[in-house]
Amino acid sequence: MAIKLLKAFMVLIAATIMMIGLLGGKAESVVLCNTDSTKLNLCRAAVTGSNPPPPTQACCAVVRHVNMPCLCKYKSVLPSLGIDPKNALALPAKCGLRSPQCPGK
């Protein structure tokens, strides 16, 4: 039980860090899945809404450096940030890269 609570707490912390990065907060950036969290904001438009625009070249440059399988761990918290997990996990393919295979997909 304690391990489940610890994992939930760690996901909450990670979600908070991601939210600060995605919403352009003034907090210092952190490295999340091999990427500076503030750079994730470059992909915000491509992962929100029901019909998002294609990712920009700047977004694709970020996606090339992100450890996408690492981001799979945060898939469950993305909706609380206004991010559609399907859109987020489709970014690599839209940028000409291989899409991650998340467990439970």
PDB file of N, CA and C in Angstrom:
ATOM      1  N   MET A   1       0.822  -1.194   0.000  1.00  0.00           N
ATOM      2  CA  MET A   1       0.000   0.000   0.000  1.00  0.00           C
ATOM      3  C   MET A   1       0.864   1.256   0.000  1.00  0.00           C
ATOM      4  N   ALA A   2       1.921   1.251   0.805  1.00  0.00           N
ATOM      5  CA  ALA A   2       2.797   2.413   0.892  1.00  0.00           C
ATOM      6  C   ALA A   2       3.494   2.670  -0.441  1.00  0.00           C
ATOM      7  N   ILE A   3       3.843   1.613  -1.154  1.00  0.00           N
ATOM      8  CA  ILE A   3       4.510   1.769  -2.441  1.00  0.00           C
ATOM      9  C   ILE A   3       3.556   2.409  -3.445  1.00  0.00           C
ATOM     10  N   LYS A   4       2.274   2.007  -3.427  1.00  0.00           N
ATOM     11  CA  LYS A   4       1.294   2.614  -4.333  1.00  0.00           C
ATOM     12  C   LYS A   4       1.125   4.095  -4.033  1.00  0.00           C
ATOM     13  N   LEU A   5       1.099   4.449  -2.760  1.00  0.00           N
ATOM     14  CA  LEU A   5       0.976   5.859  -2.391  1.00  0.00           C
ATOM     15  C   LEU A   5       2.195   6.652  -2.834  1.00  0.00           C
ATOM     16  N   LEU A   6       3.367   6.058  -2.680  1.00  0.00           N
ATOM     17  CA  LEU A   6       4.594   6.726  -3.105  1.00  0.00           C
ATOM     18  C   LEU A   6       4.589   6.945  -4.613  1.00  0.00           C
ATOM     19  N   LYS A   7       4.174   5.924  -5.378  1.00  0.00           N
ATOM     20  CA  LYS A   7       4.108   6.064  -6.831  1.00  0.00           C
ATOM     21  C   LYS A   7       3.109   7.148  -7.221  1.00  0.00           C
ATOM     22  N   ALA A   8       1.951   7.168  -6.565  1.00  0.00           N
ATOM     23  CA  ALA A   8       0.940   8.187  -6.865  1.00  0.00           C
ATOM     24  C   ALA A   8       1.488   9.582  -6.562  1.00  0.00           C
ATOM     25  N   PHE A   9       2.213   9.718  -5.461  1.00  0.00           N
ATOM     26  CA  PHE A   9       2.801  10.996  -5.090  1.00  0.00           C
ATOM     27  C   PHE A   9       3.836  11.433  -6.122  1.00  0.00           C
ATOM     28  N   MET A  10       4.651  10.504  -6.608  1.00  0.00           N
ATOM     29  CA  MET A  10       5.665  10.834  -7.599  1.00  0.00           C
ATOM     30  C   MET A  10       5.010  11.267  -8.915  1.00  0.00           C
ATOM     31  N   VAL A  11       3.930  10.610  -9.302  1.00  0.00           N
ATOM     32  CA  VAL A  11       3.215  11.006 -10.516  1.00  0.00           C
ATOM     33  C   VAL A  11       2.635  12.409 -10.346  1.00  0.00           C
ATOM     34  N   LEU A  12       2.110  12.706  -9.153  1.00  0.00           N
ATOM     35  CA  LEU A  12       1.568  14.032  -8.879  1.00  0.00           C
ATOM     36  C   LEU A  12       2.652  15.099  -8.987  1.00  0.00           C
ATOM     37  N   ILE A  13       3.815  14.819  -8.453  1.00  0.00           N
ATOM     38  CA  ILE A  13       4.928  15.763  -8.544  1.00  0.00           C
ATOM     39  C   ILE A  13       5.328  15.959 -10.009  1.00  0.00           C
ATOM     40  N   ALA A  14       5.433  14.854 -10.738  1.00  0.00           N
ATOM     41  CA  ALA A  14       5.804  14.951 -12.153  1.00  0.00           C
ATOM     42  C   ALA A  14       4.761  15.735 -12.932  1.00  0.00           C
ATOM     43  N   ALA A  15       3.500  15.504 -12.627  1.00  0.00           N
ATOM     44  CA  ALA A  15       2.428  16.232 -13.315  1.00  0.00           C
ATOM     45  C   ALA A  15       2.521  17.727 -13.035  1.00  0.00           C
ATOM     46  N   THR A  16       2.840  18.071 -11.807  1.00  0.00           N
ATOM     47  CA  THR A  16       2.983  19.481 -11.445  1.00  0.00           C
ATOM     48  C   THR A  16       4.135  20.113 -12.224  1.00  0.00           C
ATOM     49  N   ILE A  17       5.232  19.394 -12.316  1.00  0.00           N
ATOM     50  CA  ILE A  17       6.387  19.893 -13.059  1.00  0.00           C
ATOM     51  C   ILE A  17       6.036  20.063 -14.528  1.00  0.00           C
ATOM     52  N   MET A  18       5.346  19.063 -15.089  1.00  0.00           N
ATOM     53  CA  MET A  18       4.952  19.154 -16.498  1.00  0.00           C
ATOM     54  C   MET A  18       4.002  20.317 -16.720  1.00  0.00           C
ATOM     55  N   MET A  19       3.073  20.524 -15.798  1.00  0.00           N
ATOM     56  CA  MET A  19       2.099  21.597 -15.951  1.00  0.00           C
ATOM     57  C   MET A  19       2.799  22.950 -15.943  1.00  0.00           C
ATOM     58  N   ILE A  20       3.743  23.123 -15.067  1.00  0.00           N
ATOM     59  CA  ILE A  20       4.486  24.383 -15.023  1.00  0.00           C
ATOM     60  C   ILE A  20       5.188  24.610 -16.358  1.00  0.00           C
ATOM     61  N   GLY A  21       5.801  23.556 -16.889  1.00  0.00           N
ATOM     62  CA  GLY A  21       6.490  23.680 -18.168  1.00  0.00           C
ATOM     63  C   GLY A  21       5.535  23.940 -19.313  1.00  0.00           C
ATOM     64  N   LEU A  22       4.429  23.223 -19.349  1.00  0.00           N
ATOM     65  CA  LEU A  22       3.492  23.359 -20.457  1.00  0.00           C
ATOM     66  C   LEU A  22       2.705  24.657 -20.412  1.00  0.00           C
ATOM     67  N   LEU A  23       2.496  25.196 -19.252  1.00  0.00           N
ATOM     68  CA  LEU A  23       1.725  26.423 -19.134  1.00  0.00           C
ATOM     69  C   LEU A  23       2.604  27.661 -19.084  1.00  0.00           C
ATOM     70  N   GLY A  24       3.896  27.466 -19.240  1.00  0.00           N
ATOM     71  CA  GLY A  24       4.798  28.612 -19.314  1.00  0.00           C
ATOM     72  C   GLY A  24       5.003  29.300 -17.987  1.00  0.00           C
ATOM     73  N   GLY A  25       4.994  28.529 -16.919  1.00  0.00           N
ATOM     74  CA  GLY A  25       5.186  29.096 -15.584  1.00  0.00           C
ATOM     75  C   GLY A  25       6.560  29.716 -15.429  1.00  0.00           C
ATOM     76  N   LYS A  26       6.702  30.508 -14.401  1.00  0.00           N
ATOM     77  CA  LYS A  26       7.956  31.208 -14.153  1.00  0.00           C
ATOM     78  C   LYS A  26       8.943  30.350 -13.365  1.00  0.00           C
ATOM     79  N   ALA A  27       8.531  29.149 -12.988  1.00  0.00           N
ATOM     80  CA  ALA A  27       9.413  28.286 -12.208  1.00  0.00           C
ATOM     81  C   ALA A  27      10.606  27.860 -13.059  1.00  0.00           C
ATOM     82  N   GLU A  28      11.692  27.497 -12.384  1.00  0.00           N
ATOM     83  CA  GLU A  28      12.851  27.016 -13.103  1.00  0.00           C
ATOM     84  C   GLU A  28      12.494  25.737 -13.837  1.00  0.00           C
ATOM     85  N   SER A  29      13.147  25.529 -14.949  1.00  0.00           N
ATOM     86  CA  SER A  29      12.874  24.321 -15.716  1.00  0.00           C
ATOM     87  C   SER A  29      13.565  23.129 -15.067  1.00  0.00           C
ATOM     88  N   VAL A  30      13.059  21.970 -15.404  1.00  0.00           N
ATOM     89  CA  VAL A  30      13.659  20.724 -14.957  1.00  0.00           C
ATOM     90  C   VAL A  30      13.836  19.838 -16.192  1.00  0.00           C
ATOM     91  N   VAL A  31      14.721  18.895 -16.093  1.00  0.00           N
ATOM     92  CA  VAL A  31      14.895  17.937 -17.169  1.00  0.00           C
ATOM     93  C   VAL A  31      13.934  16.797 -16.910  1.00  0.00           C
ATOM     94  N   LEU A  32      13.026  16.596 -17.863  1.00  0.00           N
ATOM     95  CA  LEU A  32      12.011  15.556 -17.752  1.00  0.00           C
ATOM     96  C   LEU A  32      12.104  14.700 -19.010  1.00  0.00           C
ATOM     97  N   CYS A  33      12.423  13.436 -18.834  1.00  0.00           N
ATOM     98  CA  CYS A  33      12.526  12.505 -19.969  1.00  0.00           C
ATOM     99  C   CYS A  33      13.484  13.036 -21.034  1.00  0.00           C
ATOM    100  N   ASN A  34      14.624  13.499 -20.585  1.00  0.00           N
ATOM    101  CA  ASN A  34      15.712  14.005 -21.438  1.00  0.00           C
ATOM    102  C   ASN A  34      15.434  15.359 -22.083  1.00  0.00           C
ATOM    103  N   THR A  35      14.423  16.077 -21.623  1.00  0.00           N
ATOM    104  CA  THR A  35      14.083  17.361 -22.233  1.00  0.00           C
ATOM    105  C   THR A  35      13.819  18.414 -21.174  1.00  0.00           C
ATOM    106  N   ASP A  36      14.279  19.614 -21.441  1.00  0.00           N
ATOM    107  CA  ASP A  36      14.002  20.745 -20.574  1.00  0.00           C
ATOM    108  C   ASP A  36      12.490  20.967 -20.581  1.00  0.00           C
ATOM    109  N   SER A  37      11.886  20.988 -19.419  1.00  0.00           N
ATOM    110  CA  SER A  37      10.425  21.070 -19.322  1.00  0.00           C
ATOM    111  C   SER A  37       9.847  22.318 -19.988  1.00  0.00           C
ATOM    112  N   THR A  38      10.601  23.400 -20.036  1.00  0.00           N
ATOM    113  CA  THR A  38      10.067  24.613 -20.661  1.00  0.00           C
ATOM    114  C   THR A  38       9.935  24.459 -22.176  1.00  0.00           C
ATOM    115  N   LYS A  39      10.716  23.571 -22.771  1.00  0.00           N
ATOM    116  CA  LYS A  39      10.639  23.366 -24.221  1.00  0.00           C
ATOM    117  C   LYS A  39       9.378  22.597 -24.616  1.00  0.00           C
ATOM    118  N   LEU A  40       8.791  21.855 -23.670  1.00  0.00           N
ATOM    119  CA  LEU A  40       7.581  21.101 -23.982  1.00  0.00           C
ATOM    120  C   LEU A  40       6.439  22.017 -24.413  1.00  0.00           C
ATOM    121  N   ASN A  41       6.480  23.274 -23.989  1.00  0.00           N
ATOM    122  CA  ASN A  41       5.432  24.228 -24.359  1.00  0.00           C
ATOM    123  C   ASN A  41       5.373  24.460 -25.876  1.00  0.00           C
ATOM    124  N   LEU A  42       6.451  24.194 -26.576  1.00  0.00           N
ATOM    125  CA  LEU A  42       6.476  24.362 -28.030  1.00  0.00           C
ATOM    126  C   LEU A  42       5.516  23.396 -28.727  1.00  0.00           C
ATOM    127  N   CYS A  43       5.098  22.350 -28.028  1.00  0.00           N
ATOM    128  CA  CYS A  43       4.189  21.358 -28.616  1.00  0.00           C
ATOM    129  C   CYS A  43       2.763  21.484 -28.082  1.00  0.00           C
ATOM    130  N   ARG A  44       2.502  22.437 -27.244  1.00  0.00           N
ATOM    131  CA  ARG A  44       1.197  22.552 -26.578  1.00  0.00           C
ATOM    132  C   ARG A  44       0.033  22.584 -27.575  1.00  0.00           C
ATOM    133  N   ALA A  45       0.113  23.391 -28.617  1.00  0.00           N
ATOM    134  CA  ALA A  45      -1.000  23.502 -29.568  1.00  0.00           C
ATOM    135  C   ALA A  45      -1.281  22.176 -30.263  1.00  0.00           C
ATOM    136  N   ALA A  46      -0.243  21.386 -30.526  1.00  0.00           N
ATOM    137  CA  ALA A  46      -0.388  20.131 -31.263  1.00  0.00           C
ATOM    138  C   ALA A  46      -0.963  18.992 -30.430  1.00  0.00           C
ATOM    139  N   VAL A  47      -1.127  19.197 -29.135  1.00  0.00           N
ATOM    140  CA  VAL A  47      -1.623  18.109 -28.279  1.00  0.00           C
ATOM    141  C   VAL A  47      -2.896  18.475 -27.522  1.00  0.00           C
ATOM    142  N   THR A  48      -3.441  19.659 -27.763  1.00  0.00           N
ATOM    143  CA  THR A  48      -4.655  20.074 -27.063  1.00  0.00           C
ATOM    144  C   THR A  48      -5.802  20.271 -28.053  1.00  0.00           C
ATOM    145  N   GLY A  49      -6.995  20.154 -27.548  1.00  0.00           N
ATOM    146  CA  GLY A  49      -8.182  20.350 -28.370  1.00  0.00           C
ATOM    147  C   GLY A  49      -8.559  19.101 -29.152  1.00  0.00           C
ATOM    148  N   SER A  50      -9.741  19.144 -29.743  1.00  0.00           N
ATOM    149  CA  SER A  50     -10.226  17.970 -30.464  1.00  0.00           C
ATOM    150  C   SER A  50      -9.671  17.877 -31.888  1.00  0.00           C
ATOM    151  N   ASN A  51      -9.217  18.981 -32.448  1.00  0.00           N
ATOM    152  CA  ASN A  51      -8.667  18.977 -33.792  1.00  0.00           C
ATOM    153  C   ASN A  51      -7.416  19.856 -33.825  1.00  0.00           C
ATOM    154  N   PRO A  52      -6.331  19.397 -33.177  1.00  0.00           N
ATOM    155  CA  PRO A  52      -5.139  20.243 -33.074  1.00  0.00           C
ATOM    156  C   PRO A  52      -4.415  20.385 -34.406  1.00  0.00           C
ATOM    157  N   PRO A  53      -3.687  21.484 -34.569  1.00  0.00           N
ATOM    158  CA  PRO A  53      -2.894  21.664 -35.785  1.00  0.00           C
ATOM    159  C   PRO A  53      -1.712  20.699 -35.778  1.00  0.00           C
ATOM    160  N   PRO A  54      -1.088  20.487 -36.926  1.00  0.00           N
ATOM    161  CA  PRO A  54       0.100  19.640 -36.952  1.00  0.00           C
ATOM    162  C   PRO A  54       1.216  20.289 -36.131  1.00  0.00           C
ATOM    163  N   PRO A  55       2.152  19.476 -35.650  1.00  0.00           N
ATOM    164  CA  PRO A  55       3.256  20.049 -34.877  1.00  0.00           C
ATOM    165  C   PRO A  55       4.136  20.941 -35.750  1.00  0.00           C
ATOM    166  N   THR A  56       4.660  21.977 -35.135  1.00  0.00           N
ATOM    167  CA  THR A  56       5.572  22.882 -35.832  1.00  0.00           C
ATOM    168  C   THR A  56       6.955  22.236 -35.932  1.00  0.00           C
ATOM    169  N   GLN A  57       7.817  22.833 -36.732  1.00  0.00           N
ATOM    170  CA  GLN A  57       9.193  22.338 -36.820  1.00  0.00           C
ATOM    171  C   GLN A  57       9.881  22.435 -35.466  1.00  0.00           C
ATOM    172  N   ALA A  58       9.586  23.499 -34.718  1.00  0.00           N
ATOM    173  CA  ALA A  58      10.188  23.669 -33.392  1.00  0.00           C
ATOM    174  C   ALA A  58       9.724  22.557 -32.452  1.00  0.00           C
ATOM    175  N   CYS A  59       8.439  22.217 -32.535  1.00  0.00           N
ATOM    176  CA  CYS A  59       7.907  21.130 -31.717  1.00  0.00           C
ATOM    177  C   CYS A  59       8.595  19.817 -32.088  1.00  0.00           C
ATOM    178  N   CYS A  60       8.706  19.536 -33.367  1.00  0.00           N
ATOM    179  CA  CYS A  60       9.345  18.289 -33.811  1.00  0.00           C
ATOM    180  C   CYS A  60      10.802  18.218 -33.358  1.00  0.00           C
ATOM    181  N   ALA A  61      11.474  19.358 -33.311  1.00  0.00           N
ATOM    182  CA  ALA A  61      12.855  19.379 -32.819  1.00  0.00           C
ATOM    183  C   ALA A  61      12.899  18.949 -31.357  1.00  0.00           C
ATOM    184  N   VAL A  62      11.901  19.362 -30.580  1.00  0.00           N
ATOM    185  CA  VAL A  62      11.820  18.950 -29.173  1.00  0.00           C
ATOM    186  C   VAL A  62      11.523  17.456 -29.097  1.00  0.00           C
ATOM    187  N   VAL A  63      10.554  16.998 -29.895  1.00  0.00           N
ATOM    188  CA  VAL A  63      10.142  15.586 -29.868  1.00  0.00           C
ATOM    189  C   VAL A  63      11.314  14.665 -30.190  1.00  0.00           C
ATOM    190  N   ARG A  64      12.204  15.102 -31.051  1.00  0.00           N
ATOM    191  CA  ARG A  64      13.362  14.271 -31.414  1.00  0.00           C
ATOM    192  C   ARG A  64      14.263  13.980 -30.212  1.00  0.00           C
ATOM    193  N   HIS A  65      14.230  14.848 -29.219  1.00  0.00           N
ATOM    194  CA  HIS A  65      15.110  14.685 -28.061  1.00  0.00           C
ATOM    195  C   HIS A  65      14.411  14.084 -26.845  1.00  0.00           C
ATOM    196  N   VAL A  66      13.083  14.056 -26.863  1.00  0.00           N
ATOM    197  CA  VAL A  66      12.340  13.529 -25.715  1.00  0.00           C
ATOM    198  C   VAL A  66      12.426  12.018 -25.692  1.00  0.00           C
ATOM    199  N   ASN A  67      12.583  11.481 -24.515  1.00  0.00           N
ATOM    200  CA  ASN A  67      12.513  10.036 -24.324  1.00  0.00           C
ATOM    201  C   ASN A  67      11.022   9.711 -24.218  1.00  0.00           C
ATOM    202  N   MET A  68      10.388   9.430 -25.361  1.00  0.00           N
ATOM    203  CA  MET A  68       8.938   9.221 -25.393  1.00  0.00           C
ATOM    204  C   MET A  68       8.479   8.045 -24.538  1.00  0.00           C
ATOM    205  N   PRO A  69       9.190   6.903 -24.523  1.00  0.00           N
ATOM    206  CA  PRO A  69       8.747   5.840 -23.621  1.00  0.00           C
ATOM    207  C   PRO A  69       8.720   6.299 -22.157  1.00  0.00           C
ATOM    208  N   CYS A  70       9.608   7.196 -21.786  1.00  0.00           N
ATOM    209  CA  CYS A  70       9.608   7.758 -20.430  1.00  0.00           C
ATOM    210  C   CYS A  70       8.314   8.530 -20.190  1.00  0.00           C
ATOM    211  N   LEU A  71       7.854   9.284 -21.206  1.00  0.00           N
ATOM    212  CA  LEU A  71       6.630  10.063 -21.050  1.00  0.00           C
ATOM    213  C   LEU A  71       5.394   9.186 -20.911  1.00  0.00           C
ATOM    214  N   CYS A  72       5.495   7.925 -21.334  1.00  0.00           N
ATOM    215  CA  CYS A  72       4.366   7.002 -21.188  1.00  0.00           C
ATOM    216  C   CYS A  72       3.926   6.909 -19.727  1.00  0.00           C
ATOM    217  N   LYS A  73       4.867   7.074 -18.809  1.00  0.00           N
ATOM    218  CA  LYS A  73       4.541   7.005 -17.377  1.00  0.00           C
ATOM    219  C   LYS A  73       3.561   8.092 -16.965  1.00  0.00           C
ATOM    220  N   TYR A  74       3.541   9.184 -17.700  1.00  0.00           N
ATOM    221  CA  TYR A  74       2.716  10.326 -17.336  1.00  0.00           C
ATOM    222  C   TYR A  74       1.422  10.408 -18.149  1.00  0.00           C
ATOM    223  N   LYS A  75       1.176   9.409 -18.963  1.00  0.00           N
ATOM    224  CA  LYS A  75       0.016   9.393 -19.846  1.00  0.00           C
ATOM    225  C   LYS A  75      -1.300   9.613 -19.089  1.00  0.00           C
ATOM    226  N   SER A  76      -1.419   9.051 -17.909  1.00  0.00           N
ATOM    227  CA  SER A  76      -2.677   9.151 -17.158  1.00  0.00           C
ATOM    228  C   SER A  76      -2.934  10.545 -16.601  1.00  0.00           C
ATOM    229  N   VAL A  77      -1.909  11.367 -16.457  1.00  0.00           N
ATOM    230  CA  VAL A  77      -2.113  12.716 -15.912  1.00  0.00           C
ATOM    231  C   VAL A  77      -2.297  13.769 -16.998  1.00  0.00           C
ATOM    232  N   LEU A  78      -2.034  13.405 -18.241  1.00  0.00           N
ATOM    233  CA  LEU A  78      -2.127  14.384 -19.323  1.00  0.00           C
ATOM    234  C   LEU A  78      -3.503  15.024 -19.462  1.00  0.00           C
ATOM    235  N   PRO A  79      -4.606  14.260 -19.357  1.00  0.00           N
ATOM    236  CA  PRO A  79      -5.920  14.907 -19.481  1.00  0.00           C
ATOM    237  C   PRO A  79      -6.148  16.010 -18.449  1.00  0.00           C
ATOM    238  N   SER A  80      -5.601  15.867 -17.255  1.00  0.00           N
ATOM    239  CA  SER A  80      -5.785  16.909 -16.244  1.00  0.00           C
ATOM    240  C   SER A  80      -5.050  18.189 -16.616  1.00  0.00           C
ATOM    241  N   LEU A  81      -4.136  18.094 -17.579  1.00  0.00           N
ATOM    242  CA  LEU A  81      -3.401  19.259 -18.064  1.00  0.00           C
ATOM    243  C   LEU A  81      -3.992  19.794 -19.363  1.00  0.00           C
ATOM    244  N   GLY A  82      -5.121  19.210 -19.784  1.00  0.00           N
ATOM    245  CA  GLY A  82      -5.751  19.629 -21.022  1.00  0.00           C
ATOM    246  C   GLY A  82      -5.113  19.021 -22.260  1.00  0.00           C
ATOM    247  N   ILE A  83      -4.331  17.982 -22.057  1.00  0.00           N
ATOM    248  CA  ILE A  83      -3.612  17.341 -23.157  1.00  0.00           C
ATOM    249  C   ILE A  83      -4.258  16.002 -23.466  1.00  0.00           C
ATOM    250  N   ASP A  84      -4.553  15.771 -24.726  1.00  0.00           N
ATOM    251  CA  ASP A  84      -5.109  14.500 -25.163  1.00  0.00           C
ATOM    252  C   ASP A  84      -3.951  13.514 -25.309  1.00  0.00           C
ATOM    253  N   PRO A  85      -3.935  12.428 -24.521  1.00  0.00           N
ATOM    254  CA  PRO A  85      -2.821  11.473 -24.608  1.00  0.00           C
ATOM    255  C   PRO A  85      -2.629  10.897 -26.016  1.00  0.00           C
ATOM    256  N   LYS A  86      -3.731  10.677 -26.741  1.00  0.00           N
ATOM    257  CA  LYS A  86      -3.597  10.165 -28.112  1.00  0.00           C
ATOM    258  C   LYS A  86      -2.834  11.159 -28.979  1.00  0.00           C
ATOM    259  N   ASN A  87      -3.136  12.435 -28.831  1.00  0.00           N
ATOM    260  CA  ASN A  87      -2.429  13.459 -29.603  1.00  0.00           C
ATOM    261  C   ASN A  87      -0.954  13.523 -29.211  1.00  0.00           C
ATOM    262  N   ALA A  88      -0.698  13.431 -27.919  1.00  0.00           N
ATOM    263  CA  ALA A  88       0.685  13.498 -27.437  1.00  0.00           C
ATOM    264  C   ALA A  88       1.504  12.319 -27.958  1.00  0.00           C
ATOM    265  N   LEU A  89       0.931  11.126 -27.904  1.00  0.00           N
ATOM    266  CA  LEU A  89       1.670   9.946 -28.342  1.00  0.00           C
ATOM    267  C   LEU A  89       1.739   9.841 -29.869  1.00  0.00           C
ATOM    268  N   ALA A  90       0.933  10.626 -30.571  1.00  0.00           N
ATOM    269  CA  ALA A  90       0.981  10.645 -32.034  1.00  0.00           C
ATOM    270  C   ALA A  90       2.027  11.630 -32.560  1.00  0.00           C
ATOM    271  N   LEU A  91       2.549  12.483 -31.694  1.00  0.00           N
ATOM    272  CA  LEU A  91       3.524  13.484 -32.143  1.00  0.00           C
ATOM    273  C   LEU A  91       4.729  12.880 -32.859  1.00  0.00           C
ATOM    274  N   PRO A  92       5.345  11.825 -32.333  1.00  0.00           N
ATOM    275  CA  PRO A  92       6.521  11.302 -33.042  1.00  0.00           C
ATOM    276  C   PRO A  92       6.209  10.936 -34.496  1.00  0.00           C
ATOM    277  N   ALA A  93       5.113  10.235 -34.728  1.00  0.00           N
ATOM    278  CA  ALA A  93       4.760   9.840 -36.101  1.00  0.00           C
ATOM    279  C   ALA A  93       4.527  11.068 -36.972  1.00  0.00           C
ATOM    280  N   LYS A  94       3.889  12.093 -36.408  1.00  0.00           N
ATOM    281  CA  LYS A  94       3.639  13.319 -37.167  1.00  0.00           C
ATOM    282  C   LYS A  94       4.933  14.064 -37.478  1.00  0.00           C
ATOM    283  N   CYS A  95       5.965  13.775 -36.702  1.00  0.00           N
ATOM    284  CA  CYS A  95       7.274  14.398 -36.924  1.00  0.00           C
ATOM    285  C   CYS A  95       8.217  13.472 -37.692  1.00  0.00           C
ATOM    286  N   GLY A  96       7.685  12.361 -38.204  1.00  0.00           N
ATOM    287  CA  GLY A  96       8.500  11.438 -38.992  1.00  0.00           C
ATOM    288  C   GLY A  96       9.349  10.509 -38.156  1.00  0.00           C
ATOM    289  N   LEU A  97       8.971  10.301 -36.900  1.00  0.00           N
ATOM    290  CA  LEU A  97       9.714   9.423 -35.997  1.00  0.00           C
ATOM    291  C   LEU A  97       8.858   8.214 -35.644  1.00  0.00           C
ATOM    292  N   ARG A  98       9.453   7.255 -34.984  1.00  0.00           N
ATOM    293  CA  ARG A  98       8.716   6.076 -34.540  1.00  0.00           C
ATOM    294  C   ARG A  98       7.954   6.410 -33.263  1.00  0.00           C
ATOM    295  N   SER A  99       6.700   5.997 -33.201  1.00  0.00           N
ATOM    296  CA  SER A  99       5.870   6.244 -32.014  1.00  0.00           C
ATOM    297  C   SER A  99       6.244   5.290 -30.901  1.00  0.00           C
ATOM    298  N   PRO A 100       6.137   5.741 -29.649  1.00  0.00           N
ATOM    299  CA  PRO A 100       6.462   4.864 -28.525  1.00  0.00           C
ATOM    300  C   PRO A 100       5.381   3.804 -28.336  1.00  0.00           C
ATOM    301  N   GLN A 101       5.770   2.703 -27.789  1.00  0.00           N
ATOM    302  CA  GLN A 101       4.826   1.645 -27.432  1.00  0.00           C
ATOM    303  C   GLN A 101       4.668   1.686 -25.921  1.00  0.00           C
ATOM    304  N   CYS A 102       3.601   2.310 -25.464  1.00  0.00           N
ATOM    305  CA  CYS A 102       3.369   2.418 -24.035  1.00  0.00           C
ATOM    306  C   CYS A 102       2.727   1.128 -23.523  1.00  0.00           C
ATOM    307  N   PRO A 103       3.123   0.677 -22.356  1.00  0.00           N
ATOM    308  CA  PRO A 103       2.483  -0.490 -21.767  1.00  0.00           C
ATOM    309  C   PRO A 103       0.992  -0.201 -21.560  1.00  0.00           C
ATOM    310  N   GLY A 104       0.163  -1.194 -21.792  1.00  0.00           N
ATOM    311  CA  GLY A 104      -1.268  -1.036 -21.594  1.00  0.00           C
ATOM    312  C   GLY A 104      -1.944  -0.324 -22.727  1.00  0.00           C
ATOM    313  N   LYS A 105      -1.245  -0.115 -23.816  1.00  0.00           N
ATOM    314  CA  LYS A 105      -1.804   0.594 -24.955  1.00  0.00           C
ATOM    315  C   LYS A 105      -2.724  -0.297 -25.750  1.00  0.00           C
TER     316      LYS A 105
END
